[in-house]
Amino acid sequence: AGLERLPTYRPPRLPRMAQFARLAAAIAEAQ
């Protein structure tokens, strides 16, 4: 579900390890 949501999920701020943080946030957002 997170990989399906990832391409359109663009948060305004990202921390260090940004690619991982965006992926994990997309997984949470998909739920």
PDB file of all heavy atoms in Angstrom:
ATOM      1  N   ALA A   1       0.829  -1.213   0.000  1.00  0.00           N
ATOM      2  CA  ALA A   1       0.000   0.000   0.000  1.00  0.00           C
ATOM      3  C   ALA A   1       0.859   1.257   0.000  1.00  0.00           C
ATOM      4  O   ALA A   1       0.530   2.248  -0.670  1.00  0.00           O
ATOM      5  CB  ALA A   1      -0.931  -0.016   1.219  1.00  0.00           C
ATOM      6  N   GLY A   2       1.967   1.241   0.758  1.00  0.00           N
ATOM      7  CA  GLY A   2       2.833   2.415   0.803  1.00  0.00           C
ATOM      8  C   GLY A   2       3.513   2.703  -0.523  1.00  0.00           C
ATOM      9  O   GLY A   2       3.621   3.864  -0.944  1.00  0.00           O
ATOM     10  N   LEU A   3       3.981   1.656  -1.212  1.00  0.00           N
ATOM     11  CA  LEU A   3       4.611   1.863  -2.516  1.00  0.00           C
ATOM     12  C   LEU A   3       3.600   2.369  -3.540  1.00  0.00           C
ATOM     13  O   LEU A   3       3.953   3.127  -4.458  1.00  0.00           O
ATOM     14  CB  LEU A   3       5.241   0.557  -3.000  1.00  0.00           C
ATOM     15  CG  LEU A   3       6.464   0.065  -2.221  1.00  0.00           C
ATOM     16  CD1 LEU A   3       6.917  -1.287  -2.746  1.00  0.00           C
ATOM     17  CD2 LEU A   3       7.600   1.071  -2.304  1.00  0.00           C
ATOM     18  N   GLU A   4       2.353   1.950  -3.416  1.00  0.00           N
ATOM     19  CA  GLU A   4       1.310   2.446  -4.318  1.00  0.00           C
ATOM     20  C   GLU A   4       1.030   3.922  -4.064  1.00  0.00           C
ATOM     21  O   GLU A   4       0.745   4.688  -4.985  1.00  0.00           O
ATOM     22  CB  GLU A   4       0.038   1.610  -4.111  1.00  0.00           C
ATOM     23  CG  GLU A   4      -1.096   1.950  -5.056  1.00  0.00           C
ATOM     24  CD  GLU A   4      -0.897   1.396  -6.450  1.00  0.00           C
ATOM     25  OE1 GLU A   4       0.111   0.695  -6.690  1.00  0.00           O
ATOM     26  OE2 GLU A   4      -1.756   1.647  -7.307  1.00  0.00           O
ATOM     27  N   ARG A   5       1.133   4.336  -2.807  1.00  0.00           N
ATOM     28  CA  ARG A   5       0.838   5.737  -2.437  1.00  0.00           C
ATOM     29  C   ARG A   5       2.037   6.657  -2.648  1.00  0.00           C
ATOM     30  O   ARG A   5       1.865   7.863  -2.847  1.00  0.00           O
ATOM     31  CB  ARG A   5       0.428   5.773  -0.959  1.00  0.00           C
ATOM     32  CG  ARG A   5       0.067   7.156  -0.414  1.00  0.00           C
ATOM     33  CD  ARG A   5      -1.237   7.654  -0.980  1.00  0.00           C
ATOM     34  NE  ARG A   5      -1.644   8.904  -0.367  1.00  0.00           N
ATOM     35  CZ  ARG A   5      -1.227  10.115  -0.768  1.00  0.00           C
ATOM     36  NH1 ARG A   5      -0.370  10.188  -1.795  1.00  0.00           N
ATOM     37  NH2 ARG A   5      -1.636  11.203  -0.172  1.00  0.00           N
ATOM     38  N   LEU A   6       3.226   6.107  -2.668  1.00  0.00           N
ATOM     39  CA  LEU A   6       4.453   6.903  -2.654  1.00  0.00           C
ATOM     40  C   LEU A   6       4.578   7.905  -3.804  1.00  0.00           C
ATOM     41  O   LEU A   6       4.972   9.058  -3.566  1.00  0.00           O
ATOM     42  CB  LEU A   6       5.664   5.963  -2.645  1.00  0.00           C
ATOM     43  CG  LEU A   6       7.043   6.624  -2.589  1.00  0.00           C
ATOM     44  CD1 LEU A   6       7.204   7.417  -1.303  1.00  0.00           C
ATOM     45  CD2 LEU A   6       8.150   5.570  -2.707  1.00  0.00           C
ATOM     46  N   PRO A   7       4.308   7.562  -5.050  1.00  0.00           N
ATOM     47  CA  PRO A   7       4.562   8.519  -6.142  1.00  0.00           C
ATOM     48  C   PRO A   7       3.822   9.843  -5.994  1.00  0.00           C
ATOM     49  O   PRO A   7       4.316  10.876  -6.468  1.00  0.00           O
ATOM     50  CB  PRO A   7       4.092   7.759  -7.393  1.00  0.00           C
ATOM     51  CG  PRO A   7       4.205   6.320  -7.027  1.00  0.00           C
ATOM     52  CD  PRO A   7       3.848   6.254  -5.579  1.00  0.00           C
ATOM     53  N   THR A   8       2.665   9.855  -5.367  1.00  0.00           N
ATOM     54  CA  THR A   8       1.880  11.085  -5.243  1.00  0.00           C
ATOM     55  C   THR A   8       1.982  11.714  -3.869  1.00  0.00           C
ATOM     56  O   THR A   8       1.335  12.736  -3.623  1.00  0.00           O
ATOM     57  CB  THR A   8       0.406  10.794  -5.546  1.00  0.00           C
ATOM     58  OG1 THR A   8      -0.090   9.796  -4.629  1.00  0.00           O
ATOM     59  CG2 THR A   8       0.241  10.293  -6.975  1.00  0.00           C
ATOM     60  N   TYR A   9       2.782  11.125  -2.990  1.00  0.00           N
ATOM     61  CA  TYR A   9       2.882  11.669  -1.624  1.00  0.00           C
ATOM     62  C   TYR A   9       4.105  12.579  -1.545  1.00  0.00           C
ATOM     63  O   TYR A   9       5.242  12.117  -1.643  1.00  0.00           O
ATOM     64  CB  TYR A   9       2.987  10.532  -0.609  1.00  0.00           C
ATOM     65  CG  TYR A   9       2.991  11.019   0.821  1.00  0.00           C
ATOM     66  CD1 TYR A   9       1.847  11.552   1.393  1.00  0.00           C
ATOM     67  CD2 TYR A   9       4.154  10.953   1.588  1.00  0.00           C
ATOM     68  CE1 TYR A   9       1.849  12.003   2.702  1.00  0.00           C
ATOM     69  CE2 TYR A   9       4.165  11.406   2.893  1.00  0.00           C
ATOM     70  CZ  TYR A   9       3.009  11.932   3.444  1.00  0.00           C
ATOM     71  OH  TYR A   9       3.008  12.393   4.731  1.00  0.00           O
ATOM     72  N   ARG A  10       3.872  13.868  -1.368  1.00  0.00           N
ATOM     73  CA  ARG A  10       4.939  14.863  -1.343  1.00  0.00           C
ATOM     74  C   ARG A  10       4.801  15.745  -0.110  1.00  0.00           C
ATOM     75  O   ARG A  10       4.174  16.799  -0.139  1.00  0.00           O
ATOM     76  CB  ARG A  10       4.899  15.733  -2.609  1.00  0.00           C
ATOM     77  CG  ARG A  10       5.058  14.952  -3.907  1.00  0.00           C
ATOM     78  CD  ARG A  10       6.480  14.484  -4.086  1.00  0.00           C
ATOM     79  NE  ARG A  10       6.642  13.667  -5.288  1.00  0.00           N
ATOM     80  CZ  ARG A  10       7.802  13.167  -5.686  1.00  0.00           C
ATOM     81  NH1 ARG A  10       8.885  13.387  -4.981  1.00  0.00           N
ATOM     82  NH2 ARG A  10       7.870  12.422  -6.768  1.00  0.00           N
ATOM     83  N   PRO A  11       5.367  15.354   1.018  1.00  0.00           N
ATOM     84  CA  PRO A  11       5.261  16.183   2.231  1.00  0.00           C
ATOM     85  C   PRO A  11       6.086  17.461   2.088  1.00  0.00           C
ATOM     86  O   PRO A  11       7.101  17.484   1.373  1.00  0.00           O
ATOM     87  CB  PRO A  11       5.815  15.275   3.323  1.00  0.00           C
ATOM     88  CG  PRO A  11       6.687  14.301   2.608  1.00  0.00           C
ATOM     89  CD  PRO A  11       6.082  14.100   1.262  1.00  0.00           C
ATOM     90  N   PRO A  12       5.686  18.530   2.772  1.00  0.00           N
ATOM     91  CA  PRO A  12       6.402  19.812   2.626  1.00  0.00           C
ATOM     92  C   PRO A  12       7.780  19.832   3.277  1.00  0.00           C
ATOM     93  O   PRO A  12       8.640  20.613   2.879  1.00  0.00           O
ATOM     94  CB  PRO A  12       5.465  20.812   3.299  1.00  0.00           C
ATOM     95  CG  PRO A  12       4.642  19.998   4.245  1.00  0.00           C
ATOM     96  CD  PRO A  12       4.493  18.656   3.618  1.00  0.00           C
ATOM     97  N   ARG A  13       7.994  19.014   4.308  1.00  0.00           N
ATOM     98  CA  ARG A  13       9.287  19.008   4.999  1.00  0.00           C
ATOM     99  C   ARG A  13       9.741  17.567   5.183  1.00  0.00           C
ATOM    100  O   ARG A  13       8.937  16.681   5.485  1.00  0.00           O
ATOM    101  CB  ARG A  13       9.195  19.681   6.379  1.00  0.00           C
ATOM    102  CG  ARG A  13       8.935  21.164   6.333  1.00  0.00           C
ATOM    103  CD  ARG A  13       8.902  21.724   7.744  1.00  0.00           C
ATOM    104  NE  ARG A  13      10.164  21.550   8.434  1.00  0.00           N
ATOM    105  CZ  ARG A  13      11.212  22.377   8.333  1.00  0.00           C
ATOM    106  NH1 ARG A  13      11.119  23.449   7.552  1.00  0.00           N
ATOM    107  NH2 ARG A  13      12.320  22.160   8.999  1.00  0.00           N
ATOM    108  N   LEU A  14      11.031  17.339   4.993  1.00  0.00           N
ATOM    109  CA  LEU A  14      11.599  16.002   5.168  1.00  0.00           C
ATOM    110  C   LEU A  14      12.869  16.093   6.009  1.00  0.00           C
ATOM    111  O   LEU A  14      13.661  17.025   5.852  1.00  0.00           O
ATOM    112  CB  LEU A  14      11.927  15.360   3.822  1.00  0.00           C
ATOM    113  CG  LEU A  14      10.747  14.887   2.983  1.00  0.00           C
ATOM    114  CD1 LEU A  14      11.212  14.465   1.602  1.00  0.00           C
ATOM    115  CD2 LEU A  14      10.019  13.735   3.672  1.00  0.00           C
ATOM    116  N   PRO A  15      13.096  15.127   6.886  1.00  0.00           N
ATOM    117  CA  PRO A  15      14.314  15.128   7.702  1.00  0.00           C
ATOM    118  C   PRO A  15      15.477  14.494   6.955  1.00  0.00           C
ATOM    119  O   PRO A  15      15.373  14.143   5.788  1.00  0.00           O
ATOM    120  CB  PRO A  15      13.898  14.265   8.905  1.00  0.00           C
ATOM    121  CG  PRO A  15      12.941  13.284   8.307  1.00  0.00           C
ATOM    122  CD  PRO A  15      12.208  14.005   7.209  1.00  0.00           C
ATOM    123  N   ARG A  16      16.596  14.367   7.642  1.00  0.00           N
ATOM    124  CA  ARG A  16      17.720  13.583   7.120  1.00  0.00           C
ATOM    125  C   ARG A  16      17.241  12.157   6.896  1.00  0.00           C
ATOM    126  O   ARG A  16      16.355  11.684   7.569  1.00  0.00           O
ATOM    127  CB  ARG A  16      18.865  13.619   8.133  1.00  0.00           C
ATOM    128  CG  ARG A  16      20.129  12.889   7.692  1.00  0.00           C
ATOM    129  CD  ARG A  16      20.890  13.707   6.673  1.00  0.00           C
ATOM    130  NE  ARG A  16      22.079  13.008   6.211  1.00  0.00           N
ATOM    131  CZ  ARG A  16      23.270  13.100   6.775  1.00  0.00           C
ATOM    132  NH1 ARG A  16      23.433  13.845   7.851  1.00  0.00           N
ATOM    133  NH2 ARG A  16      24.306  12.465   6.284  1.00  0.00           N
ATOM    134  N   MET A  17      17.848  11.422   5.969  1.00  0.00           N
ATOM    135  CA  MET A  17      17.347  10.120   5.521  1.00  0.00           C
ATOM    136  C   MET A  17      15.987  10.328   4.861  1.00  0.00           C
ATOM    137  O   MET A  17      15.004   9.618   5.121  1.00  0.00           O
ATOM    138  CB  MET A  17      17.231   9.123   6.670  1.00  0.00           C
ATOM    139  CG  MET A  17      18.395   9.116   7.640  1.00  0.00           C
ATOM    140  SD  MET A  17      19.909   8.451   6.922  1.00  0.00           S
ATOM    141  CE  MET A  17      19.492   6.747   6.772  1.00  0.00           C
ATOM    142  N   ALA A  18      15.927  11.343   3.966  1.00  0.00           N
ATOM    143  CA  ALA A  18      14.649  11.814   3.435  1.00  0.00           C
ATOM    144  C   ALA A  18      13.907  10.741   2.642  1.00  0.00           C
ATOM    145  O   ALA A  18      12.676  10.625   2.745  1.00  0.00           O
ATOM    146  CB  ALA A  18      14.888  13.041   2.566  1.00  0.00           C
ATOM    147  N   GLN A  19      14.618   9.943   1.854  1.00  0.00           N
ATOM    148  CA  GLN A  19      13.946   8.939   1.026  1.00  0.00           C
ATOM    149  C   GLN A  19      13.249   7.890   1.887  1.00  0.00           C
ATOM    150  O   GLN A  19      12.110   7.486   1.617  1.00  0.00           O
ATOM    151  CB  GLN A  19      14.950   8.278   0.082  1.00  0.00           C
ATOM    152  CG  GLN A  19      14.320   7.419  -0.997  1.00  0.00           C
ATOM    153  CD  GLN A  19      15.334   6.896  -1.991  1.00  0.00           C
ATOM    154  OE1 GLN A  19      16.547   7.135  -1.851  1.00  0.00           O
ATOM    155  NE2 GLN A  19      14.884   6.194  -3.014  1.00  0.00           N
ATOM    156  N   PHE A  20      13.932   7.472   2.945  1.00  0.00           N
ATOM    157  CA  PHE A  20      13.314   6.502   3.845  1.00  0.00           C
ATOM    158  C   PHE A  20      12.137   7.133   4.581  1.00  0.00           C
ATOM    159  O   PHE A  20      11.076   6.503   4.716  1.00  0.00           O
ATOM    160  CB  PHE A  20      14.354   6.001   4.848  1.00  0.00           C
ATOM    161  CG  PHE A  20      13.797   5.056   5.871  1.00  0.00           C
ATOM    162  CD1 PHE A  20      13.770   3.697   5.631  1.00  0.00           C
ATOM    163  CD2 PHE A  20      13.287   5.519   7.077  1.00  0.00           C
ATOM    164  CE1 PHE A  20      13.250   2.813   6.567  1.00  0.00           C
ATOM    165  CE2 PHE A  20      12.764   4.650   8.013  1.00  0.00           C
ATOM    166  CZ  PHE A  20      12.751   3.295   7.761  1.00  0.00           C
ATOM    167  N   ALA A  21      12.323   8.353   5.082  1.00  0.00           N
ATOM    168  CA  ALA A  21      11.261   9.009   5.841  1.00  0.00           C
ATOM    169  C   ALA A  21      10.014   9.204   4.981  1.00  0.00           C
ATOM    170  O   ALA A  21       8.884   9.005   5.448  1.00  0.00           O
ATOM    171  CB  ALA A  21      11.758  10.347   6.379  1.00  0.00           C
ATOM    172  N   ARG A  22      10.198   9.591   3.720  1.00  0.00           N
ATOM    173  CA  ARG A  22       9.048   9.770   2.833  1.00  0.00           C
ATOM    174  C   ARG A  22       8.339   8.449   2.569  1.00  0.00           C
ATOM    175  O   ARG A  22       7.108   8.377   2.539  1.00  0.00           O
ATOM    176  CB  ARG A  22       9.514  10.396   1.522  1.00  0.00           C
ATOM    177  CG  ARG A  22       8.403  10.585   0.500  1.00  0.00           C
ATOM    178  CD  ARG A  22       8.881  11.388  -0.697  1.00  0.00           C
ATOM    179  NE  ARG A  22       7.950  11.233  -1.801  1.00  0.00           N
ATOM    180  CZ  ARG A  22       8.226  10.667  -2.964  1.00  0.00           C
ATOM    181  NH1 ARG A  22       9.435  10.185  -3.178  1.00  0.00           N
ATOM    182  NH2 ARG A  22       7.324  10.566  -3.914  1.00  0.00           N
ATOM    183  N   LEU A  23       9.110   7.368   2.375  1.00  0.00           N
ATOM    184  CA  LEU A  23       8.511   6.059   2.148  1.00  0.00           C
ATOM    185  C   LEU A  23       7.717   5.601   3.372  1.00  0.00           C
ATOM    186  O   LEU A  23       6.570   5.146   3.250  1.00  0.00           O
ATOM    187  CB  LEU A  23       9.603   5.038   1.825  1.00  0.00           C
ATOM    188  CG  LEU A  23       9.170   3.566   1.795  1.00  0.00           C
ATOM    189  CD1 LEU A  23       8.135   3.332   0.713  1.00  0.00           C
ATOM    190  CD2 LEU A  23      10.383   2.654   1.603  1.00  0.00           C
ATOM    191  N   ALA A  24       8.325   5.691   4.558  1.00  0.00           N
ATOM    192  CA  ALA A  24       7.631   5.268   5.769  1.00  0.00           C
ATOM    193  C   ALA A  24       6.390   6.123   6.021  1.00  0.00           C
ATOM    194  O   ALA A  24       5.347   5.612   6.458  1.00  0.00           O
ATOM    195  CB  ALA A  24       8.574   5.341   6.965  1.00  0.00           C
ATOM    196  N   ALA A  25       6.485   7.425   5.734  1.00  0.00           N
ATOM    197  CA  ALA A  25       5.321   8.294   5.898  1.00  0.00           C
ATOM    198  C   ALA A  25       4.223   7.926   4.901  1.00  0.00           C
ATOM    199  O   ALA A  25       3.027   7.969   5.231  1.00  0.00           O
ATOM    200  CB  ALA A  25       5.733   9.753   5.720  1.00  0.00           C
ATOM    201  N   ALA A  26       4.608   7.544   3.677  1.00  0.00           N
ATOM    202  CA  ALA A  26       3.616   7.104   2.687  1.00  0.00           C
ATOM    203  C   ALA A  26       2.935   5.815   3.141  1.00  0.00           C
ATOM    204  O   ALA A  26       1.734   5.614   2.908  1.00  0.00           O
ATOM    205  CB  ALA A  26       4.285   6.903   1.330  1.00  0.00           C
ATOM    206  N   ILE A  27       3.692   4.921   3.778  1.00  0.00           N
ATOM    207  CA  ILE A  27       3.093   3.694   4.316  1.00  0.00           C
ATOM    208  C   ILE A  27       2.059   4.040   5.381  1.00  0.00           C
ATOM    209  O   ILE A  27       0.955   3.475   5.408  1.00  0.00           O
ATOM    210  CB  ILE A  27       4.199   2.786   4.892  1.00  0.00           C
ATOM    211  CG1 ILE A  27       5.072   2.244   3.752  1.00  0.00           C
ATOM    212  CG2 ILE A  27       3.603   1.645   5.705  1.00  0.00           C
ATOM    213  CD1 ILE A  27       6.272   1.450   4.225  1.00  0.00           C
ATOM    214  N   ALA A  28       2.412   4.989   6.261  1.00  0.00           N
ATOM    215  CA  ALA A  28       1.457   5.401   7.292  1.00  0.00           C
ATOM    216  C   ALA A  28       0.258   6.113   6.679  1.00  0.00           C
ATOM    217  O   ALA A  28      -0.888   5.895   7.078  1.00  0.00           O
ATOM    218  CB  ALA A  28       2.161   6.309   8.301  1.00  0.00           C
ATOM    219  N   GLU A  29       0.516   6.967   5.689  1.00  0.00           N
ATOM    220  CA  GLU A  29      -0.565   7.725   5.040  1.00  0.00           C
ATOM    221  C   GLU A  29      -1.530   6.803   4.312  1.00  0.00           C
ATOM    222  O   GLU A  29      -2.734   7.081   4.236  1.00  0.00           O
ATOM    223  CB  GLU A  29       0.034   8.743   4.077  1.00  0.00           C
ATOM    224  CG  GLU A  29      -0.962   9.701   3.436  1.00  0.00           C
ATOM    225  CD  GLU A  29      -1.492  10.735   4.407  1.00  0.00           C
ATOM    226  OE1 GLU A  29      -0.870  10.931   5.479  1.00  0.00           O
ATOM    227  OE2 GLU A  29      -2.535  11.352   4.098  1.00  0.00           O
ATOM    228  N   ALA A  30      -1.014   5.708   3.761  1.00  0.00           N
ATOM    229  CA  ALA A  30      -1.879   4.770   3.047  1.00  0.00           C
ATOM    230  C   ALA A  30      -2.863   4.079   3.986  1.00  0.00           C
ATOM    231  O   ALA A  30      -3.917   3.609   3.547  1.00  0.00           O
ATOM    232  CB  ALA A  30      -1.025   3.719   2.328  1.00  0.00           C
ATOM    233  N   GLN A  31      -2.540   4.032   5.274  1.00  0.00           N
ATOM    234  CA  GLN A  31      -3.433   3.400   6.247  1.00  0.00           C
ATOM    235  C   GLN A  31      -4.454   4.374   6.810  1.00  0.00           C
ATOM    236  O   GLN A  31      -5.586   4.000   7.111  1.00  0.00           O
ATOM    237  CB  GLN A  31      -2.609   2.798   7.395  1.00  0.00           C
ATOM    238  CG  GLN A  31      -1.551   1.809   6.951  1.00  0.00           C
ATOM    239  CD  GLN A  31      -2.104   0.702   6.094  1.00  0.00           C
ATOM    240  OE1 GLN A  31      -3.054   0.014   6.484  1.00  0.00           O
ATOM    241  NE2 GLN A  31      -1.526   0.530   4.905  1.00  0.00           N
TER     242      GLN A  31
END
